[in-house]
């Protein structure tokens, strides 16, 4: 089996990002996530600066609180205390961080380009399931 210390985030992250701005309504964000079959949306300012992440886990809270969802912006529920990965981080380190914080999604940022991807538990599982034994 490959050593996960030798596998880098850039090899497994999803580069096809669904991004919204903080004032996007949660209903619109949810619709976009469902249409794409994904579990998170990256929240960025108009200039592309990472501001937060909204995940399917956050939608459990949204539904439970029963606010008028058609009038609530994602900024009300997005996580802003973000831990991010770098494309060159080892997959083992990122997996350990995700496990430690109980994250299912981690934004991937590059100092020059900003947000360049997202790595999810699905990405990790897909990679590990394809490792030759």
N, C-alpha and C. Protein backbone atom coordinates (compact mmCIF):
# COMPACT_ATOMS: atom_id res chain seq x y z
N UNK A 1 0.85 -1.18 0.00
CA UNK A 1 0.00 0.00 0.00
C UNK A 1 0.89 1.23 0.00
N UNK A 2 0.50 2.26 -0.79
CA UNK A 2 1.24 3.51 -0.82
C UNK A 2 1.26 4.14 0.56
N UNK A 3 2.33 4.86 0.85
CA UNK A 3 2.44 5.61 2.09
C UNK A 3 1.71 6.94 1.89
N UNK A 4 0.69 7.20 2.69
CA UNK A 4 -0.11 8.41 2.53
C UNK A 4 0.69 9.67 2.78
N UNK A 5 1.87 9.55 3.41
CA UNK A 5 2.73 10.72 3.57
C UNK A 5 3.30 11.16 2.22
N UNK A 6 3.31 10.25 1.25
CA UNK A 6 3.84 10.56 -0.08
C UNK A 6 2.76 10.96 -1.08
N UNK A 7 1.52 11.05 -0.62
CA UNK A 7 0.40 11.46 -1.46
C UNK A 7 0.00 12.86 -1.02
N UNK A 8 -0.23 13.74 -1.99
CA UNK A 8 -0.49 15.13 -1.67
C UNK A 8 -1.94 15.50 -1.96
N UNK A 9 -2.42 16.49 -1.23
CA UNK A 9 -3.80 16.95 -1.34
C UNK A 9 -4.18 17.24 -2.78
N UNK A 10 -3.30 17.86 -3.54
CA UNK A 10 -3.60 18.22 -4.92
C UNK A 10 -3.99 17.00 -5.76
N UNK A 11 -3.55 15.81 -5.37
CA UNK A 11 -3.85 14.60 -6.12
C UNK A 11 -5.27 14.10 -5.90
N UNK A 12 -5.93 14.52 -4.82
CA UNK A 12 -7.25 13.97 -4.52
C UNK A 12 -8.34 15.02 -4.37
N UNK A 13 -7.97 16.28 -4.24
CA UNK A 13 -8.98 17.32 -3.99
C UNK A 13 -9.87 17.51 -5.20
N UNK A 14 -11.07 18.00 -4.95
CA UNK A 14 -11.98 18.38 -6.02
C UNK A 14 -11.67 19.81 -6.42
N UNK A 15 -11.38 20.01 -7.69
CA UNK A 15 -11.06 21.36 -8.16
C UNK A 15 -12.29 22.07 -8.71
N UNK A 16 -13.33 21.34 -8.97
CA UNK A 16 -14.56 21.92 -9.47
C UNK A 16 -15.34 22.45 -8.27
N UNK A 17 -15.16 23.73 -8.00
CA UNK A 17 -15.76 24.33 -6.81
C UNK A 17 -17.10 24.97 -7.10
N UNK A 18 -18.00 24.83 -6.15
CA UNK A 18 -19.25 25.58 -6.17
C UNK A 18 -19.06 26.66 -5.11
N UNK A 19 -19.01 27.90 -5.55
CA UNK A 19 -18.82 29.01 -4.63
C UNK A 19 -20.03 29.94 -4.65
N UNK A 20 -20.26 30.57 -3.50
CA UNK A 20 -21.30 31.58 -3.36
C UNK A 20 -20.73 32.72 -2.55
N UNK A 21 -21.43 33.84 -2.53
CA UNK A 21 -21.03 34.97 -1.69
C UNK A 21 -21.79 34.89 -0.37
N UNK A 22 -21.31 35.60 0.67
CA UNK A 22 -21.96 35.52 1.98
C UNK A 22 -23.44 35.91 1.98
N UNK A 23 -23.88 36.71 1.01
CA UNK A 23 -25.28 37.14 0.99
C UNK A 23 -26.18 36.22 0.18
N UNK A 24 -25.63 35.13 -0.36
CA UNK A 24 -26.44 34.15 -1.08
C UNK A 24 -27.45 33.53 -0.11
N UNK A 25 -28.67 33.35 -0.54
CA UNK A 25 -29.69 32.76 0.31
C UNK A 25 -29.43 31.26 0.48
N UNK A 26 -29.68 30.74 1.68
CA UNK A 26 -29.42 29.32 1.94
C UNK A 26 -30.22 28.43 1.02
N UNK A 27 -31.41 28.84 0.66
CA UNK A 27 -32.23 28.05 -0.26
C UNK A 27 -31.52 27.90 -1.61
N UNK A 28 -30.92 28.99 -2.11
CA UNK A 28 -30.20 28.94 -3.38
C UNK A 28 -28.95 28.08 -3.27
N UNK A 29 -28.24 28.20 -2.14
CA UNK A 29 -27.05 27.38 -1.93
C UNK A 29 -27.42 25.90 -1.89
N UNK A 30 -28.50 25.58 -1.18
CA UNK A 30 -28.94 24.19 -1.08
C UNK A 30 -29.33 23.63 -2.44
N UNK A 31 -30.02 24.43 -3.23
CA UNK A 31 -30.42 23.98 -4.57
C UNK A 31 -29.18 23.69 -5.41
N UNK A 32 -28.21 24.57 -5.35
CA UNK A 32 -26.97 24.37 -6.11
C UNK A 32 -26.22 23.13 -5.68
N UNK A 33 -26.19 22.87 -4.38
CA UNK A 33 -25.52 21.67 -3.88
C UNK A 33 -26.25 20.41 -4.35
N UNK A 34 -27.57 20.43 -4.28
CA UNK A 34 -28.34 19.26 -4.72
C UNK A 34 -28.16 19.01 -6.21
N UNK A 35 -28.19 20.08 -7.01
CA UNK A 35 -28.03 19.92 -8.46
C UNK A 35 -26.67 19.33 -8.82
N UNK A 36 -25.65 19.65 -8.03
CA UNK A 36 -24.30 19.18 -8.30
C UNK A 36 -23.96 17.88 -7.57
N UNK A 37 -24.84 17.45 -6.65
CA UNK A 37 -24.59 16.24 -5.89
C UNK A 37 -23.38 16.36 -4.97
N UNK A 38 -23.22 17.53 -4.35
CA UNK A 38 -22.07 17.77 -3.49
C UNK A 38 -22.52 18.09 -2.07
N UNK A 39 -21.58 18.04 -1.13
CA UNK A 39 -21.90 18.21 0.28
C UNK A 39 -21.41 19.50 0.90
N UNK A 40 -20.84 20.41 0.08
CA UNK A 40 -20.38 21.67 0.65
C UNK A 40 -20.36 22.75 -0.41
N UNK A 41 -20.43 23.99 0.08
CA UNK A 41 -20.29 25.15 -0.78
C UNK A 41 -19.26 26.06 -0.12
N UNK A 42 -18.35 26.57 -0.92
CA UNK A 42 -17.31 27.47 -0.44
C UNK A 42 -17.85 28.90 -0.55
N UNK A 43 -17.71 29.67 0.53
CA UNK A 43 -18.21 31.04 0.57
C UNK A 43 -17.03 31.99 0.38
N UNK A 44 -17.11 32.82 -0.66
CA UNK A 44 -16.04 33.77 -0.98
C UNK A 44 -16.62 35.16 -1.20
N UNK A 45 -15.79 36.18 -0.96
CA UNK A 45 -16.16 37.55 -1.30
C UNK A 45 -16.13 37.70 -2.82
N UNK A 46 -16.58 38.85 -3.29
CA UNK A 46 -16.58 39.12 -4.73
C UNK A 46 -15.18 39.01 -5.33
N UNK A 47 -14.14 39.26 -4.52
CA UNK A 47 -12.76 39.18 -5.03
C UNK A 47 -12.16 37.78 -4.90
N UNK A 48 -12.97 36.82 -4.44
CA UNK A 48 -12.51 35.44 -4.33
C UNK A 48 -11.89 35.08 -2.99
N UNK A 49 -11.87 36.01 -2.05
CA UNK A 49 -11.29 35.74 -0.73
C UNK A 49 -12.17 34.76 0.04
N UNK A 50 -11.57 33.70 0.56
CA UNK A 50 -12.29 32.69 1.33
C UNK A 50 -12.87 33.30 2.59
N UNK A 51 -14.17 33.12 2.79
CA UNK A 51 -14.86 33.64 3.97
C UNK A 51 -15.48 32.56 4.83
N UNK A 52 -15.80 31.40 4.23
CA UNK A 52 -16.41 30.35 5.02
C UNK A 52 -16.75 29.14 4.18
N UNK A 53 -17.38 28.19 4.84
CA UNK A 53 -17.84 26.97 4.18
C UNK A 53 -19.20 26.61 4.79
N UNK A 54 -20.10 26.19 3.95
CA UNK A 54 -21.42 25.73 4.38
C UNK A 54 -21.55 24.30 3.91
N UNK A 55 -21.86 23.38 4.83
CA UNK A 55 -21.90 21.97 4.48
C UNK A 55 -23.28 21.39 4.73
N UNK A 56 -23.46 20.17 4.24
CA UNK A 56 -24.75 19.51 4.46
C UNK A 56 -25.04 19.36 5.95
N UNK A 57 -24.03 19.28 6.78
CA UNK A 57 -24.24 19.23 8.23
C UNK A 57 -24.87 20.52 8.73
N UNK A 58 -24.46 21.66 8.17
CA UNK A 58 -25.04 22.94 8.56
C UNK A 58 -26.53 23.00 8.22
N UNK A 59 -26.93 22.32 7.16
CA UNK A 59 -28.34 22.35 6.77
C UNK A 59 -29.23 21.62 7.77
N UNK A 60 -28.68 20.69 8.52
CA UNK A 60 -29.45 20.06 9.59
C UNK A 60 -29.86 21.12 10.61
N UNK A 61 -28.92 21.99 10.97
CA UNK A 61 -29.21 23.07 11.91
C UNK A 61 -30.21 24.06 11.31
N UNK A 62 -30.05 24.38 10.04
CA UNK A 62 -30.96 25.32 9.39
C UNK A 62 -32.39 24.80 9.43
N UNK A 63 -32.56 23.54 9.07
CA UNK A 63 -33.90 22.95 9.07
C UNK A 63 -34.45 22.89 10.49
N UNK A 64 -33.61 22.49 11.44
CA UNK A 64 -34.06 22.37 12.83
C UNK A 64 -34.53 23.71 13.40
N UNK A 65 -33.87 24.80 13.01
CA UNK A 65 -34.23 26.11 13.55
C UNK A 65 -35.41 26.74 12.83
N UNK A 66 -35.76 26.22 11.68
CA UNK A 66 -36.96 26.63 10.93
C UNK A 66 -37.10 28.14 10.74
N UNK A 67 -36.01 28.81 10.47
CA UNK A 67 -36.11 30.23 10.12
C UNK A 67 -36.65 30.32 8.70
N UNK A 68 -37.09 31.51 8.29
CA UNK A 68 -37.52 31.62 6.89
C UNK A 68 -36.31 31.41 5.97
N UNK A 69 -36.18 30.19 5.46
CA UNK A 69 -35.01 29.83 4.69
C UNK A 69 -34.86 30.62 3.39
N UNK A 70 -35.96 31.09 2.85
CA UNK A 70 -35.86 31.84 1.60
C UNK A 70 -35.35 33.26 1.82
N UNK A 71 -35.17 33.67 3.07
CA UNK A 71 -34.68 35.02 3.36
C UNK A 71 -33.39 35.01 4.17
N UNK A 72 -32.82 33.85 4.43
CA UNK A 72 -31.64 33.74 5.28
C UNK A 72 -30.38 33.60 4.43
N UNK A 73 -29.40 34.50 4.60
CA UNK A 73 -28.15 34.39 3.84
C UNK A 73 -27.24 33.30 4.43
N UNK A 74 -26.37 32.75 3.61
CA UNK A 74 -25.46 31.70 4.07
C UNK A 74 -24.55 32.20 5.19
N UNK A 75 -24.29 33.49 5.25
CA UNK A 75 -23.42 34.04 6.29
C UNK A 75 -23.95 33.77 7.69
N UNK A 76 -25.25 33.50 7.81
CA UNK A 76 -25.83 33.21 9.12
C UNK A 76 -25.42 31.83 9.64
N UNK A 77 -25.05 30.92 8.75
CA UNK A 77 -24.77 29.54 9.14
C UNK A 77 -23.40 29.01 8.75
N UNK A 78 -22.70 29.70 7.88
CA UNK A 78 -21.41 29.18 7.42
C UNK A 78 -20.40 29.14 8.56
N UNK A 79 -19.49 28.19 8.47
CA UNK A 79 -18.37 28.13 9.41
C UNK A 79 -17.32 29.12 8.96
N UNK A 80 -16.83 29.91 9.89
CA UNK A 80 -15.82 30.91 9.55
C UNK A 80 -14.49 30.65 10.24
N UNK A 81 -14.47 29.80 11.22
CA UNK A 81 -13.24 29.44 11.93
C UNK A 81 -12.61 28.30 11.14
N UNK A 82 -12.01 28.64 9.99
CA UNK A 82 -11.60 27.63 9.03
C UNK A 82 -10.20 27.11 9.25
N UNK A 83 -10.05 25.84 9.02
CA UNK A 83 -8.75 25.20 8.91
C UNK A 83 -8.66 24.80 7.44
N UNK A 84 -7.58 25.19 6.79
CA UNK A 84 -7.44 24.91 5.36
C UNK A 84 -6.22 24.02 5.12
N UNK A 85 -6.20 23.43 3.95
CA UNK A 85 -5.07 22.62 3.51
C UNK A 85 -4.39 23.34 2.37
N UNK A 86 -3.16 22.98 2.12
CA UNK A 86 -2.38 23.47 0.99
C UNK A 86 -2.28 22.32 -0.01
N UNK A 87 -2.26 22.60 -1.31
CA UNK A 87 -2.18 21.50 -2.29
C UNK A 87 -0.99 20.58 -2.07
N UNK A 88 0.07 21.07 -1.45
CA UNK A 88 1.26 20.26 -1.23
C UNK A 88 1.30 19.54 0.10
N UNK A 89 0.26 19.68 0.91
CA UNK A 89 0.20 18.97 2.19
C UNK A 89 0.05 17.47 1.95
N UNK A 90 0.60 16.67 2.85
CA UNK A 90 0.44 15.23 2.68
C UNK A 90 -0.99 14.84 3.02
N UNK A 91 -1.48 13.86 2.32
CA UNK A 91 -2.83 13.37 2.55
C UNK A 91 -2.97 12.83 3.97
N UNK A 92 -1.93 12.22 4.48
CA UNK A 92 -1.96 11.68 5.85
C UNK A 92 -2.18 12.81 6.86
N UNK A 93 -1.49 13.94 6.68
CA UNK A 93 -1.64 15.06 7.60
C UNK A 93 -3.05 15.65 7.53
N UNK A 94 -3.56 15.81 6.32
CA UNK A 94 -4.90 16.38 6.15
C UNK A 94 -5.96 15.44 6.72
N UNK A 95 -5.82 14.16 6.47
CA UNK A 95 -6.77 13.19 7.01
C UNK A 95 -6.75 13.24 8.54
N UNK A 96 -5.57 13.34 9.13
CA UNK A 96 -5.46 13.42 10.59
C UNK A 96 -6.13 14.68 11.13
N UNK A 97 -5.93 15.80 10.44
CA UNK A 97 -6.55 17.06 10.85
C UNK A 97 -8.07 16.97 10.74
N UNK A 98 -8.55 16.41 9.64
CA UNK A 98 -10.00 16.27 9.46
C UNK A 98 -10.59 15.38 10.54
N UNK A 99 -9.90 14.32 10.88
CA UNK A 99 -10.37 13.41 11.92
C UNK A 99 -10.37 14.11 13.29
N UNK A 100 -9.30 14.82 13.57
CA UNK A 100 -9.17 15.52 14.85
C UNK A 100 -10.29 16.54 15.05
N UNK A 101 -10.62 17.28 13.99
CA UNK A 101 -11.64 18.33 14.09
C UNK A 101 -13.03 17.85 13.72
N UNK A 102 -13.13 16.59 13.28
CA UNK A 102 -14.40 16.00 12.85
C UNK A 102 -14.99 16.74 11.64
N UNK A 103 -14.10 17.13 10.73
CA UNK A 103 -14.50 17.78 9.48
C UNK A 103 -14.82 16.73 8.44
N UNK A 104 -15.75 17.06 7.56
CA UNK A 104 -16.01 16.22 6.40
C UNK A 104 -15.55 16.91 5.11
N UNK A 105 -15.27 18.20 5.22
CA UNK A 105 -14.81 19.00 4.07
C UNK A 105 -13.75 19.98 4.55
N UNK A 106 -12.68 20.14 3.76
CA UNK A 106 -11.64 21.10 4.10
C UNK A 106 -11.25 21.88 2.84
N UNK A 107 -11.42 23.23 2.88
CA UNK A 107 -10.99 24.03 1.73
C UNK A 107 -9.48 23.91 1.51
N UNK A 108 -9.09 23.94 0.26
CA UNK A 108 -7.67 23.90 -0.11
C UNK A 108 -7.33 25.26 -0.70
N UNK A 109 -6.33 25.91 -0.10
CA UNK A 109 -5.95 27.25 -0.55
C UNK A 109 -4.50 27.27 -0.99
N UNK A 110 -4.25 28.16 -1.92
CA UNK A 110 -2.91 28.40 -2.43
C UNK A 110 -2.66 29.89 -2.20
N UNK A 111 -1.56 30.23 -1.59
CA UNK A 111 -1.27 31.61 -1.25
C UNK A 111 -1.43 32.59 -2.40
N UNK A 112 -1.18 32.14 -3.61
CA UNK A 112 -1.25 33.02 -4.78
C UNK A 112 -2.66 33.06 -5.39
N UNK A 113 -3.32 31.92 -5.45
CA UNK A 113 -4.59 31.82 -6.17
C UNK A 113 -5.81 31.86 -5.28
N UNK A 114 -5.64 31.79 -3.97
CA UNK A 114 -6.79 31.72 -3.07
C UNK A 114 -7.30 30.30 -2.97
N UNK A 115 -8.61 30.13 -3.03
CA UNK A 115 -9.21 28.80 -2.92
C UNK A 115 -9.06 28.07 -4.24
N UNK A 116 -8.45 26.88 -4.18
CA UNK A 116 -8.21 26.12 -5.41
C UNK A 116 -8.91 24.77 -5.42
N UNK A 117 -9.50 24.40 -4.28
CA UNK A 117 -10.18 23.11 -4.23
C UNK A 117 -10.77 22.85 -2.86
N UNK A 118 -11.30 21.67 -2.72
CA UNK A 118 -11.83 21.21 -1.45
C UNK A 118 -11.57 19.71 -1.37
N UNK A 119 -11.17 19.24 -0.21
CA UNK A 119 -10.97 17.82 -0.03
C UNK A 119 -12.05 17.35 0.96
N UNK A 120 -12.67 16.23 0.64
CA UNK A 120 -13.76 15.73 1.46
C UNK A 120 -13.46 14.30 1.90
N UNK A 121 -14.24 13.83 2.86
CA UNK A 121 -14.09 12.44 3.27
C UNK A 121 -14.39 11.51 2.10
N UNK A 122 -15.25 11.92 1.21
CA UNK A 122 -15.52 11.12 0.01
C UNK A 122 -14.27 11.02 -0.85
N UNK A 123 -13.54 12.14 -1.00
CA UNK A 123 -12.29 12.11 -1.78
C UNK A 123 -11.28 11.17 -1.13
N UNK A 124 -11.17 11.24 0.19
CA UNK A 124 -10.23 10.37 0.91
C UNK A 124 -10.60 8.91 0.75
N UNK A 125 -11.88 8.62 0.90
CA UNK A 125 -12.35 7.24 0.76
C UNK A 125 -12.11 6.72 -0.65
N UNK A 126 -12.40 7.54 -1.64
CA UNK A 126 -12.19 7.14 -3.04
C UNK A 126 -10.72 6.84 -3.30
N UNK A 127 -9.84 7.66 -2.75
CA UNK A 127 -8.41 7.43 -2.96
C UNK A 127 -7.98 6.13 -2.29
N UNK A 128 -8.33 5.98 -1.01
CA UNK A 128 -7.91 4.80 -0.27
C UNK A 128 -8.48 3.52 -0.89
N UNK A 129 -9.69 3.57 -1.40
CA UNK A 129 -10.29 2.36 -1.98
C UNK A 129 -9.62 1.94 -3.27
N UNK A 130 -8.88 2.86 -3.91
CA UNK A 130 -8.20 2.53 -5.16
C UNK A 130 -6.73 2.26 -5.01
N UNK A 131 -6.21 2.26 -3.77
CA UNK A 131 -4.81 1.97 -3.56
C UNK A 131 -4.58 0.47 -3.79
N UNK A 132 -3.60 0.14 -4.65
CA UNK A 132 -3.31 -1.27 -4.85
C UNK A 132 -2.79 -1.90 -3.55
N UNK A 133 -3.20 -3.11 -3.30
CA UNK A 133 -2.75 -3.79 -2.06
C UNK A 133 -1.73 -4.83 -2.37
